[in-house]
Amino acid sequence: MTSYDPRRVRSDTPLMNRVINGHPITYLDSASSSLPPRAVIEAMSRYYELRHANVHRGVFQTAVEATDAYESAREAIANFIGAPGGSGEIVFTKNATESFNLIAKSWGRANLTPGDVVLITEMEHHANIVPWFQLREVNGIEVRFIPVGDDFRLDLSNIDELMTGVKLLSVTSMSNVLGTINPIKELAEVAHRHGALIAVDAAQSVAHSATDVRDLDVDFVIFSGHKMLGPTGIGVLWTREDILADMPPFLGGGGMIADVRLDGYTPASGPTRFEAGTPPIAEAVGLGAAVRYLEGLGMADVVRHERSLTEDALTRLADGFAGRVRVIGPHDMAARGAVISLDVDGVHPHDIAQVLDQFGVCVRPGHHCAKPLMRRFGLAATARASFGPYSLHSDTDVLIEALGHAVSMFG
């Protein structure tokens, strides 16, 4: 039984006690990095205070406890996303970017040949673009894009034509700029009908809605700890056990081997073959705590609350700044999440963000690692506000007031 209350989440989050420029902090940058609750911070502190040791090696008590904590986090994440093969399908990386590089440089190099196509979209984060360009330089694959329409949604009108020759469809579940929620189950059906696999960038969705990889019927899922109330420095790659078993190691060294001889080596089986060297142990422990915390909130309740916040903010922006402030993203709540990118007529997003900071309001100005999407809509950058499970309607009150000052200041 969950008892979600955003005020309780807020009280659980130490950074929410900060005062910025004389104002209580109004944190609206969760799409960039969400704020960890005390449970995450304390779990990591307990690891360092009581059981700091390397994993999978030592037989002394604290080393065994460290390994148990590390593997317990893997199990928690597998349960959180409904991994059918359990923890044996969860690979720890240092972030979502590394997870995409792992897919491209392991699965991609082993399975894609010149002329094969990787299909991505115009709204992807650079993490789901650059590794495929790098692979194109190595083995001559084609990188193809699904366009984004003027309604800020994927234009799937000729998807079957775009799928010709495609071996992998790789797509974000929710745009970090537009807030657009993509039809992943529909895209998975299309990909599989054409004999392709599908990879999903869930970095922006995994903390804001339930994720069930079996229900989605996808082949790879990627996300980062710091966007789901966890620490920085850890990411996740999930894929089915049969796919993982055929992927060659991405990095070589200690920890990822079953044997090393003078004539070669034999890699370990399972996720550890991709976790060379000392892994991010404390970060995994923290991510495990974050996952358990999110489960305790109840993702359905989080979705309802963030939907209410976003709908209210969009309405107030439209009513108060008509003709001056443009929202770059869908207005239909059924098609979007809790990310709101703003384009203020005649004012650079960095100037807007600096004025908002004087009111303690934290928003993110920039291209958000999505330059192709920015060019698609004739923009250099936006000022992006984004909600989290700790966000309140009062945060929107402060945002609207501060934005009003910024708009007036710049005429």
Protein backbone atom coordinates (compact mmCIF):
# COMPACT_ATOMS: atom_id res chain seq x y z
CA MET A 1 0.00 0.00 0.00
CA THR A 2 1.47 3.36 -1.00
CA SER A 3 0.80 6.72 0.59
CA TYR A 4 2.22 9.20 -1.89
CA ASP A 5 2.33 12.78 -0.71
CA PRO A 6 4.64 15.17 -2.59
CA ARG A 7 5.06 17.22 0.59
CA ARG A 8 6.46 14.17 2.36
CA VAL A 9 8.82 13.54 -0.56
CA ARG A 10 9.87 17.15 -0.29
CA SER A 11 10.55 16.81 3.44
CA ASP A 12 12.56 13.65 2.67
CA THR A 13 14.79 15.61 0.25
CA PRO A 14 17.53 17.57 2.07
CA LEU A 15 18.40 19.91 -0.80
CA MET A 16 14.85 21.30 -0.65
CA ASN A 17 15.93 23.12 2.53
CA ARG A 18 18.32 25.34 0.56
CA VAL A 19 17.77 29.08 0.33
CA ILE A 20 18.93 30.64 -2.96
CA ASN A 21 19.35 34.41 -3.23
CA GLY A 22 17.13 34.88 -0.20
CA HIS A 23 14.36 32.61 -1.51
CA PRO A 24 13.48 29.00 -0.72
CA ILE A 25 14.73 26.87 -3.60
CA THR A 26 12.24 26.13 -6.37
CA TYR A 27 13.85 23.17 -8.08
CA LEU A 28 12.55 22.74 -11.63
CA ASP A 29 15.44 20.88 -13.24
CA SER A 30 14.57 17.25 -12.55
CA ALA A 31 14.91 16.33 -16.24
CA SER A 32 18.59 17.12 -15.94
CA SER A 33 19.19 15.64 -12.51
CA SER A 34 16.62 14.75 -9.88
CA LEU A 35 17.17 15.26 -6.15
CA PRO A 36 17.98 12.21 -4.00
CA PRO A 37 15.94 11.64 -0.85
CA ARG A 38 17.59 11.09 2.50
CA ALA A 39 17.10 7.32 2.12
CA VAL A 40 19.48 7.29 -0.85
CA ILE A 41 22.08 9.46 0.83
CA GLU A 42 21.96 7.39 4.01
CA ALA A 43 22.21 4.09 2.12
CA MET A 44 25.40 5.29 0.44
CA SER A 45 26.78 6.62 3.73
CA ARG A 46 26.08 3.30 5.46
CA TYR A 47 27.99 1.50 2.72
CA TYR A 48 31.05 3.71 3.21
CA GLU A 49 30.80 3.68 7.00
CA LEU A 50 30.11 -0.02 7.58
CA ARG A 51 30.89 -2.20 4.57
CA HIS A 52 33.20 -0.44 2.16
CA ALA A 53 35.06 -3.17 0.26
CA ASN A 54 35.42 -4.39 -3.28
CA VAL A 55 32.76 -6.75 -4.62
CA HIS A 56 32.93 -10.27 -6.04
CA ARG A 57 36.42 -10.86 -4.60
CA GLY A 58 36.84 -10.84 -0.85
CA VAL A 59 35.58 -13.50 1.56
CA PHE A 60 35.84 -11.37 4.73
CA GLN A 61 32.59 -10.11 6.29
CA THR A 62 32.46 -6.55 4.94
CA ALA A 63 33.39 -7.70 1.42
CA VAL A 64 30.55 -10.23 1.48
CA GLU A 65 28.17 -7.54 2.72
CA ALA A 66 29.32 -5.14 -0.02
CA THR A 67 28.73 -7.79 -2.68
CA ASP A 68 25.31 -8.57 -1.23
CA ALA A 69 24.36 -4.88 -1.25
CA TYR A 70 25.61 -4.45 -4.82
CA GLU A 71 23.74 -7.48 -6.14
CA SER A 72 20.65 -6.61 -4.10
CA ALA A 73 20.52 -3.31 -6.00
CA ARG A 74 20.66 -5.23 -9.28
CA GLU A 75 17.73 -7.35 -8.14
CA ALA A 76 15.74 -4.29 -7.07
CA ILE A 77 16.19 -2.69 -10.49
CA ALA A 78 15.23 -5.92 -12.28
CA ASN A 79 12.02 -6.06 -10.25
CA PHE A 80 11.32 -2.37 -10.82
CA ILE A 81 11.28 -2.74 -14.61
CA GLY A 82 9.88 -6.28 -14.75
CA ALA A 83 13.00 -7.91 -16.23
CA PRO A 84 11.84 -11.43 -17.21
CA GLY A 85 15.30 -12.92 -16.59
CA GLY A 86 15.77 -11.13 -13.30
CA SER A 87 19.03 -9.56 -12.17
CA GLY A 88 21.03 -11.52 -14.76
CA GLU A 89 19.73 -9.07 -17.38
CA ILE A 90 20.82 -5.87 -15.59
CA VAL A 91 24.17 -4.32 -16.53
CA PHE A 92 25.54 -1.43 -14.48
CA THR A 93 27.25 1.34 -16.45
CA LYS A 94 28.30 4.81 -15.40
CA ASN A 95 25.36 6.54 -17.14
CA ALA A 96 22.85 6.19 -19.97
CA THR A 97 25.43 7.49 -22.44
CA GLU A 98 27.77 4.63 -21.64
CA SER A 99 24.85 2.21 -21.98
CA PHE A 100 24.23 3.38 -25.53
CA ASN A 101 27.93 3.15 -26.31
CA LEU A 102 27.92 -0.39 -24.95
CA ILE A 103 25.09 -1.37 -27.29
CA ALA A 104 26.71 0.29 -30.29
CA LYS A 105 30.22 -0.98 -29.69
CA SER A 106 29.28 -4.47 -28.52
CA TRP A 107 25.99 -5.56 -30.07
CA GLY A 108 26.31 -3.15 -33.00
CA ARG A 109 29.81 -4.13 -34.06
CA ALA A 110 28.96 -7.83 -33.72
CA ASN A 111 25.64 -7.71 -35.58
CA LEU A 112 25.63 -4.80 -38.03
CA THR A 113 27.39 -4.80 -41.39
CA PRO A 114 27.77 -2.20 -44.15
CA GLY A 115 24.37 -1.11 -45.41
CA ASP A 116 22.45 -2.17 -42.32
CA VAL A 117 20.28 0.60 -40.92
CA VAL A 118 19.87 1.99 -37.41
CA LEU A 119 16.69 4.06 -37.25
CA ILE A 120 16.50 6.80 -34.62
CA THR A 121 14.45 10.00 -34.34
CA GLU A 122 15.01 13.72 -34.65
CA MET A 123 14.15 14.17 -30.98
CA GLU A 124 16.92 11.97 -29.57
CA HIS A 125 19.46 12.99 -26.97
CA HIS A 126 23.00 13.05 -28.37
CA ALA A 127 23.66 9.84 -26.38
CA ASN A 128 21.39 8.03 -28.84
CA ILE A 129 22.87 9.71 -31.90
CA VAL A 130 26.65 10.03 -31.63
CA PRO A 131 27.44 6.33 -30.88
CA TRP A 132 25.61 5.33 -34.07
CA PHE A 133 27.51 7.93 -36.08
CA GLN A 134 30.72 6.53 -34.62
CA LEU A 135 29.67 3.02 -35.60
CA ARG A 136 28.88 4.30 -39.10
CA GLU A 137 32.48 5.51 -39.36
CA VAL A 138 33.77 2.06 -38.40
CA ASN A 139 31.61 -0.35 -40.38
CA GLY A 140 29.53 1.65 -42.83
CA ILE A 141 26.04 1.33 -41.39
CA GLU A 142 23.32 3.82 -42.33
CA VAL A 143 21.78 6.05 -39.67
CA ARG A 144 18.25 7.09 -40.55
CA PHE A 145 15.86 9.45 -38.74
CA ILE A 146 12.13 9.45 -38.05
CA PRO A 147 11.05 13.09 -38.46
CA VAL A 148 9.24 15.15 -35.84
CA GLY A 149 6.07 16.88 -37.01
CA ASP A 150 4.92 20.42 -36.33
CA ASP A 151 2.77 18.97 -33.53
CA PHE A 152 6.00 17.94 -31.73
CA ARG A 153 5.24 14.24 -32.19
CA LEU A 154 6.93 11.61 -34.30
CA ASP A 155 5.71 11.55 -37.88
CA LEU A 156 5.00 7.85 -38.35
CA SER A 157 3.06 8.24 -41.59
CA ASN A 158 5.71 6.37 -43.59
CA ILE A 159 7.17 4.22 -40.83
CA ASP A 160 7.06 1.01 -42.87
CA GLU A 161 9.11 2.65 -45.61
CA LEU A 162 11.58 4.00 -43.06
CA MET A 163 11.96 0.51 -41.59
CA THR A 164 13.34 -0.93 -44.84
CA GLY A 165 16.71 -2.52 -44.04
CA VAL A 166 16.54 -1.54 -40.38
CA LYS A 167 18.22 -3.87 -37.88
CA LEU A 168 17.70 -1.64 -34.84
CA LEU A 169 15.11 1.01 -33.97
CA SER A 170 16.42 3.16 -31.11
CA VAL A 171 14.04 5.74 -29.67
CA THR A 172 13.41 7.80 -26.57
CA SER A 173 10.34 6.99 -24.55
CA MET A 174 9.99 10.67 -23.63
CA SER A 175 11.73 13.66 -25.15
CA ASN A 176 13.89 15.59 -22.71
CA VAL A 177 13.05 18.79 -24.62
CA LEU A 178 9.49 18.45 -25.84
CA GLY A 179 8.08 16.25 -23.13
CA THR A 180 6.57 14.15 -25.93
CA ILE A 181 5.71 10.60 -24.86
CA ASN A 182 6.32 8.20 -27.72
CA PRO A 183 4.16 5.11 -28.49
CA ILE A 184 6.77 2.53 -27.53
CA LYS A 185 4.50 -0.53 -27.69
CA GLU A 186 3.36 0.45 -31.19
CA LEU A 187 6.94 1.05 -32.30
CA ALA A 188 8.05 -2.28 -30.81
CA GLU A 189 5.38 -4.07 -32.84
CA VAL A 190 6.53 -2.31 -36.01
CA ALA A 191 10.19 -3.09 -35.34
CA HIS A 192 9.58 -6.76 -34.68
CA ARG A 193 7.30 -7.08 -37.71
CA HIS A 194 10.24 -5.91 -39.81
CA GLY A 195 12.67 -8.27 -38.09
CA ALA A 196 14.43 -5.51 -36.16
CA LEU A 197 15.23 -5.05 -32.48
CA ILE A 198 14.16 -1.97 -30.52
CA ALA A 199 16.16 -0.02 -27.92
CA VAL A 200 14.43 2.48 -25.64
CA ASP A 201 15.97 5.49 -23.92
CA ALA A 202 13.93 5.52 -20.70
CA ALA A 203 16.05 8.12 -18.90
CA GLN A 204 13.20 10.66 -18.87
CA SER A 205 10.37 8.24 -18.13
CA VAL A 206 11.56 5.62 -15.66
CA ALA A 207 11.02 7.88 -12.61
CA HIS A 208 7.76 9.33 -13.88
CA SER A 209 5.73 6.30 -14.96
CA ALA A 210 5.69 2.54 -14.54
CA THR A 211 8.15 0.69 -16.79
CA ASP A 212 7.48 -2.95 -17.62
CA VAL A 213 9.84 -4.30 -20.27
CA ARG A 214 7.69 -7.40 -20.81
CA ASP A 215 4.57 -5.36 -21.44
CA LEU A 216 6.43 -2.99 -23.76
CA ASP A 217 7.93 -6.00 -25.61
CA VAL A 218 11.23 -4.19 -26.22
CA ASP A 219 14.78 -5.53 -26.51
CA PHE A 220 16.98 -2.93 -24.80
CA VAL A 221 16.14 -0.34 -22.13
CA ILE A 222 18.59 2.35 -20.98
CA PHE A 223 18.39 4.81 -18.09
CA SER A 224 20.48 6.77 -15.56
CA GLY A 225 20.39 6.74 -11.78
CA HIS A 226 20.54 10.49 -11.27
CA LYS A 227 17.31 11.08 -13.17
CA MET A 228 15.37 8.71 -10.87
CA LEU A 229 16.23 10.12 -7.40
CA GLY A 230 19.51 8.20 -7.37
CA PRO A 231 23.17 9.23 -7.46
CA THR A 232 25.26 10.32 -10.40
CA GLY A 233 27.86 7.96 -11.83
CA ILE A 234 25.62 4.97 -12.46
CA GLY A 235 23.42 3.92 -15.36
CA VAL A 236 21.60 0.78 -16.39
CA LEU A 237 21.36 -1.31 -19.53
CA TRP A 238 18.68 -3.97 -19.60
CA THR A 239 18.42 -6.52 -22.38
CA ARG A 240 17.11 -10.04 -22.66
CA GLU A 241 19.37 -12.80 -21.40
CA ASP A 242 19.72 -14.40 -24.83
CA ILE A 243 20.87 -11.11 -26.40
CA LEU A 244 23.26 -10.37 -23.56
CA ALA A 245 24.86 -13.79 -23.81
CA ASP A 246 25.88 -13.16 -27.43
CA MET A 247 27.28 -9.66 -26.89
CA PRO A 248 31.10 -9.43 -26.74
CA PRO A 249 32.69 -7.47 -23.88
CA PHE A 250 32.93 -3.72 -24.35
CA LEU A 251 35.81 -3.07 -21.92
CA GLY A 252 38.59 -5.45 -20.90
CA GLY A 253 40.43 -5.95 -17.62
CA GLY A 254 39.73 -7.29 -14.17
CA GLY A 255 36.34 -8.46 -13.03
CA MET A 256 34.98 -9.23 -16.51
CA ILE A 257 36.85 -12.47 -17.08
CA ALA A 258 36.37 -16.14 -16.36
CA ASP A 259 40.00 -16.89 -17.22
CA VAL A 260 43.12 -15.22 -18.63
CA ARG A 261 45.98 -17.20 -20.23
CA LEU A 262 49.09 -16.33 -22.15
CA ASP A 263 47.23 -17.14 -25.37
CA GLY A 264 44.04 -15.19 -24.63
CA TYR A 265 41.11 -14.85 -22.27
CA THR A 266 37.61 -16.13 -21.62
CA PRO A 267 35.01 -13.51 -20.61
CA ALA A 268 32.69 -14.00 -17.67
CA SER A 269 29.07 -14.81 -18.31
CA GLY A 270 26.16 -12.54 -17.49
CA PRO A 271 26.28 -8.83 -16.68
CA THR A 272 29.75 -8.93 -15.11
CA ARG A 273 31.39 -9.37 -18.51
CA PHE A 274 30.45 -5.71 -19.11
CA GLU A 275 31.53 -4.41 -15.69
CA ALA A 276 35.31 -4.33 -15.99
CA GLY A 277 37.29 -3.06 -13.04
CA THR A 278 35.91 -1.89 -9.74
CA PRO A 279 32.27 -0.97 -10.38
CA PRO A 280 30.34 2.00 -8.91
CA ILE A 281 29.45 0.10 -5.73
CA ALA A 282 28.17 2.94 -3.54
CA GLU A 283 26.28 4.35 -6.51
CA ALA A 284 24.58 1.00 -7.12
CA VAL A 285 23.61 0.84 -3.47
CA GLY A 286 22.18 4.35 -3.76
CA LEU A 287 20.28 3.48 -6.92
CA GLY A 288 18.84 0.41 -5.23
CA ALA A 289 17.59 2.65 -2.41
CA ALA A 290 16.13 5.10 -4.95
CA VAL A 291 14.22 2.31 -6.69
CA ARG A 292 12.79 1.07 -3.41
CA TYR A 293 11.81 4.63 -2.51
CA LEU A 294 10.02 5.12 -5.83
CA GLU A 295 8.21 1.82 -5.39
CA GLY A 296 7.03 3.02 -1.99
CA LEU A 297 5.56 6.15 -3.56
CA GLY A 298 3.54 4.26 -6.15
CA MET A 299 4.26 5.20 -9.76
CA ALA A 300 0.57 5.59 -10.68
CA ASP A 301 0.18 8.27 -8.01
CA VAL A 302 3.36 10.01 -9.17
CA VAL A 303 1.98 10.08 -12.72
CA ARG A 304 -1.31 11.63 -11.61
CA HIS A 305 0.40 14.29 -9.55
CA GLU A 306 2.92 15.29 -12.22
CA ARG A 307 0.17 15.34 -14.85
CA SER A 308 -1.80 17.76 -12.68
CA LEU A 309 1.27 19.95 -12.18
CA THR A 310 2.07 20.04 -15.89
CA GLU A 311 -1.50 20.75 -16.98
CA ASP A 312 -1.78 23.60 -14.47
CA ALA A 313 1.55 25.10 -15.55
CA LEU A 314 0.68 24.93 -19.25
CA THR A 315 -2.67 26.61 -18.63
CA ARG A 316 -1.13 29.41 -16.59
CA LEU A 317 1.64 29.98 -19.12
CA ALA A 318 -0.91 30.24 -21.93
CA ASP A 319 -3.14 32.60 -19.94
CA GLY A 320 -0.42 34.84 -18.59
CA PHE A 321 2.11 35.07 -21.42
CA ALA A 322 0.14 34.71 -24.64
CA GLY A 323 2.17 35.94 -27.62
CA ARG A 324 5.32 36.35 -25.56
CA VAL A 325 6.21 32.90 -24.26
CA ARG A 326 5.94 29.81 -26.48
CA VAL A 327 5.90 26.27 -25.12
CA ILE A 328 7.98 23.98 -27.36
CA GLY A 329 6.08 20.73 -27.01
CA PRO A 330 2.61 19.21 -27.15
CA HIS A 331 -0.25 20.84 -25.25
CA ASP A 332 -2.23 17.60 -25.22
CA MET A 333 -1.61 16.05 -21.80
CA ALA A 334 -2.19 12.56 -23.17
CA ALA A 335 0.93 12.96 -25.29
CA ARG A 336 3.36 14.58 -22.89
CA GLY A 337 5.22 14.35 -19.61
CA ALA A 338 6.40 16.80 -16.97
CA VAL A 339 8.96 18.70 -19.08
CA ILE A 340 8.15 22.22 -20.30
CA SER A 341 10.55 23.97 -22.69
CA LEU A 342 10.04 27.70 -23.05
CA ASP A 343 10.99 30.10 -25.82
CA VAL A 344 10.62 33.72 -24.68
CA ASP A 345 10.30 36.03 -27.67
CA GLY A 346 13.47 38.06 -28.15
CA VAL A 347 15.21 36.86 -24.98
CA HIS A 348 18.01 34.31 -24.73
CA PRO A 349 17.17 31.35 -22.48
CA HIS A 350 20.33 31.94 -20.43
CA ASP A 351 19.12 35.45 -19.57
CA ILE A 352 15.75 34.05 -18.54
CA ALA A 353 17.40 31.40 -16.35
CA GLN A 354 19.63 33.96 -14.65
CA VAL A 355 16.68 36.18 -13.76
CA LEU A 356 14.72 33.18 -12.47
CA ASP A 357 17.71 32.22 -10.32
CA GLN A 358 17.35 35.52 -8.47
CA PHE A 359 14.01 34.14 -7.24
CA GLY A 360 15.53 30.78 -6.31
CA VAL A 361 14.02 29.13 -9.39
CA CYS A 362 16.21 26.46 -10.99
CA VAL A 363 15.54 25.86 -14.69
CA ARG A 364 17.88 24.61 -17.38
CA PRO A 365 18.82 26.83 -20.36
CA GLY A 366 20.51 25.29 -23.38
CA HIS A 367 20.14 22.87 -26.25
CA HIS A 368 19.70 19.96 -23.80
CA CYS A 369 22.00 17.69 -25.82
CA ALA A 370 19.44 17.66 -28.63
CA LYS A 371 20.89 19.93 -31.32
CA PRO A 372 19.19 18.22 -34.29
CA LEU A 373 15.83 18.80 -32.61
CA MET A 374 16.66 22.43 -31.92
CA ARG A 375 17.53 22.95 -35.56
CA ARG A 376 14.28 21.26 -36.58
CA PHE A 377 12.34 24.03 -34.82
CA GLY A 378 14.71 26.90 -35.64
CA LEU A 379 15.97 27.30 -32.08
CA ALA A 380 19.39 27.57 -30.50
CA ALA A 381 18.15 26.79 -27.01
CA THR A 382 15.18 26.80 -24.65
CA ALA A 383 14.66 27.43 -20.95
CA ARG A 384 13.36 24.13 -19.59
CA ALA A 385 11.34 23.61 -16.43
CA SER A 386 10.75 20.05 -15.29
CA PHE A 387 8.91 18.54 -12.35
CA GLY A 388 9.71 15.64 -10.03
CA PRO A 389 7.87 13.65 -7.38
CA TYR A 390 8.67 16.41 -4.82
CA SER A 391 7.27 19.25 -6.95
CA LEU A 392 4.23 21.26 -5.79
CA HIS A 393 1.76 23.65 -7.39
CA SER A 394 3.41 26.37 -5.30
CA ASP A 395 6.55 25.82 -7.40
CA THR A 396 4.55 26.89 -10.43
CA ASP A 397 3.37 29.98 -8.50
CA VAL A 398 6.99 31.04 -8.03
CA LEU A 399 7.91 30.17 -11.64
CA ILE A 400 5.06 32.28 -13.04
CA GLU A 401 5.92 35.22 -10.80
CA ALA A 402 9.63 35.05 -11.65
CA LEU A 403 8.95 34.60 -15.36
CA GLY A 404 6.70 37.66 -15.25
CA HIS A 405 9.58 39.70 -13.86
CA ALA A 406 11.92 38.37 -16.52
CA VAL A 407 9.54 39.15 -19.37
CA SER A 408 8.94 42.67 -18.03
CA MET A 409 12.64 43.27 -17.53
CA PHE A 410 13.43 42.47 -21.15
CA GLY A 411 10.52 44.47 -22.51
